[in-house]
Amino acid sequence: MTDKTVKTSEGSIRIRQVGSAIRRNGKQALHLKALGLRGIGSEKELILNNSILGLINKVRHMVKII
């Protein structure tokens, strides 16, 4: 299993959606929407805080930290 720990020096994180929200729990689709991810391959740079880390943790099987 890959290590999902986050180490950034500037306080931001860049994520990419790699899995589809189709046939997933409805809450997971809402978590992706809250992160600003619209579909497979979409990327977003977010300011790092505990709420963002919590959202990423909930959909960690559908996102990749880049």
C-alpha atoms as a PDB file:
ATOM      1  CA  MET A   1       0.000   0.000   0.000  1.00  0.00           C
ATOM      2  CA  THR A   2       1.309   3.445  -0.807  1.00  0.00           C
ATOM      3  CA  ASP A   3       2.101   6.008   1.843  1.00  0.00           C
ATOM      4  CA  LYS A   4      -0.376   8.909   1.746  1.00  0.00           C
ATOM      5  CA  THR A   5       1.385  11.228   4.185  1.00  0.00           C
ATOM      6  CA  VAL A   6       1.601  14.833   3.082  1.00  0.00           C
ATOM      7  CA  LYS A   7       4.749  16.923   3.379  1.00  0.00           C
ATOM      8  CA  THR A   8       4.625  20.361   1.838  1.00  0.00           C
ATOM      9  CA  SER A   9       6.721  23.364   2.652  1.00  0.00           C
ATOM     10  CA  GLU A  10       4.444  26.092   1.306  1.00  0.00           C
ATOM     11  CA  GLY A  11       1.210  24.954   2.996  1.00  0.00           C
ATOM     12  CA  SER A  12      -0.592  23.811  -0.143  1.00  0.00           C
ATOM     13  CA  ILE A  13      -1.326  20.449  -1.700  1.00  0.00           C
ATOM     14  CA  ARG A  14      -2.024  19.410  -5.291  1.00  0.00           C
ATOM     15  CA  ILE A  15      -4.383  16.498  -5.920  1.00  0.00           C
ATOM     16  CA  ARG A  16      -5.660  14.708  -9.026  1.00  0.00           C
ATOM     17  CA  GLN A  17      -8.809  12.631  -9.343  1.00  0.00           C
ATOM     18  CA  VAL A  18      -7.956   9.148 -10.624  1.00  0.00           C
ATOM     19  CA  GLY A  19     -11.194   7.292  -9.860  1.00  0.00           C
ATOM     20  CA  SER A  20     -14.787   7.830 -10.870  1.00  0.00           C
ATOM     21  CA  ALA A  21     -17.557   8.826  -8.466  1.00  0.00           C
ATOM     22  CA  ILE A  22     -20.042   6.676 -10.405  1.00  0.00           C
ATOM     23  CA  ARG A  23     -21.344   3.707  -8.363  1.00  0.00           C
ATOM     24  CA  ARG A  24     -19.882   5.161  -5.175  1.00  0.00           C
ATOM     25  CA  ASN A  25     -21.505   6.299  -1.989  1.00  0.00           C
ATOM     26  CA  GLY A  26     -23.248   9.635  -2.574  1.00  0.00           C
ATOM     27  CA  LYS A  27     -21.221  11.273   0.190  1.00  0.00           C
ATOM     28  CA  GLN A  28     -17.982  10.398  -1.586  1.00  0.00           C
ATOM     29  CA  ALA A  29     -19.181  12.188  -4.714  1.00  0.00           C
ATOM     30  CA  LEU A  30     -19.974  15.227  -2.571  1.00  0.00           C
ATOM     31  CA  HIS A  31     -16.495  15.088  -1.004  1.00  0.00           C
ATOM     32  CA  LEU A  32     -14.933  15.171  -4.477  1.00  0.00           C
ATOM     33  CA  LYS A  33     -17.142  18.125  -5.378  1.00  0.00           C
ATOM     34  CA  ALA A  34     -16.108  19.916  -2.161  1.00  0.00           C
ATOM     35  CA  LEU A  35     -12.463  19.411  -3.130  1.00  0.00           C
ATOM     36  CA  GLY A  36     -13.183  21.043  -6.488  1.00  0.00           C
ATOM     37  CA  LEU A  37     -12.622  17.890  -8.544  1.00  0.00           C
ATOM     38  CA  ARG A  38     -15.022  17.528 -11.474  1.00  0.00           C
ATOM     39  CA  GLY A  39     -13.955  14.298 -13.156  1.00  0.00           C
ATOM     40  CA  ILE A  40     -11.153  11.869 -13.758  1.00  0.00           C
ATOM     41  CA  GLY A  41      -7.946  13.708 -14.545  1.00  0.00           C
ATOM     42  CA  SER A  42      -8.989  17.007 -12.983  1.00  0.00           C
ATOM     43  CA  GLU A  43      -6.404  18.635 -10.722  1.00  0.00           C
ATOM     44  CA  LYS A  44      -6.697  21.174  -7.959  1.00  0.00           C
ATOM     45  CA  GLU A  45      -4.238  22.962  -5.697  1.00  0.00           C
ATOM     46  CA  LEU A  46      -5.672  23.543  -2.241  1.00  0.00           C
ATOM     47  CA  ILE A  47      -4.498  25.266   0.916  1.00  0.00           C
ATOM     48  CA  LEU A  48      -3.549  22.602   3.419  1.00  0.00           C
ATOM     49  CA  ASN A  49      -5.661  22.409   6.587  1.00  0.00           C
ATOM     50  CA  ASN A  50      -7.340  19.725   8.672  1.00  0.00           C
ATOM     51  CA  SER A  51     -10.679  19.877   6.858  1.00  0.00           C
ATOM     52  CA  ILE A  52      -9.012  19.376   3.457  1.00  0.00           C
ATOM     53  CA  LEU A  53      -6.983  16.470   4.841  1.00  0.00           C
ATOM     54  CA  GLY A  54     -10.197  14.928   6.190  1.00  0.00           C
ATOM     55  CA  LEU A  55     -11.901  15.176   2.803  1.00  0.00           C
ATOM     56  CA  ILE A  56      -8.877  13.659   1.068  1.00  0.00           C
ATOM     57  CA  ASN A  57      -8.827  10.836   3.599  1.00  0.00           C
ATOM     58  CA  LYS A  58     -12.468  10.008   2.843  1.00  0.00           C
ATOM     59  CA  VAL A  59     -11.809   9.639  -0.913  1.00  0.00           C
ATOM     60  CA  ARG A  60      -8.154   8.537  -0.805  1.00  0.00           C
ATOM     61  CA  HIS A  61      -8.916   5.609  -3.118  1.00  0.00           C
ATOM     62  CA  MET A  62     -10.085   8.034  -5.843  1.00  0.00           C
ATOM     63  CA  VAL A  63      -7.422  10.763  -5.613  1.00  0.00           C
ATOM     64  CA  LYS A  64      -3.680  10.959  -5.984  1.00  0.00           C
ATOM     65  CA  ILE A  65      -1.420  13.496  -4.317  1.00  0.00           C
ATOM     66  CA  ILE A  66       0.925  14.960  -6.926  1.00  0.00           C
END
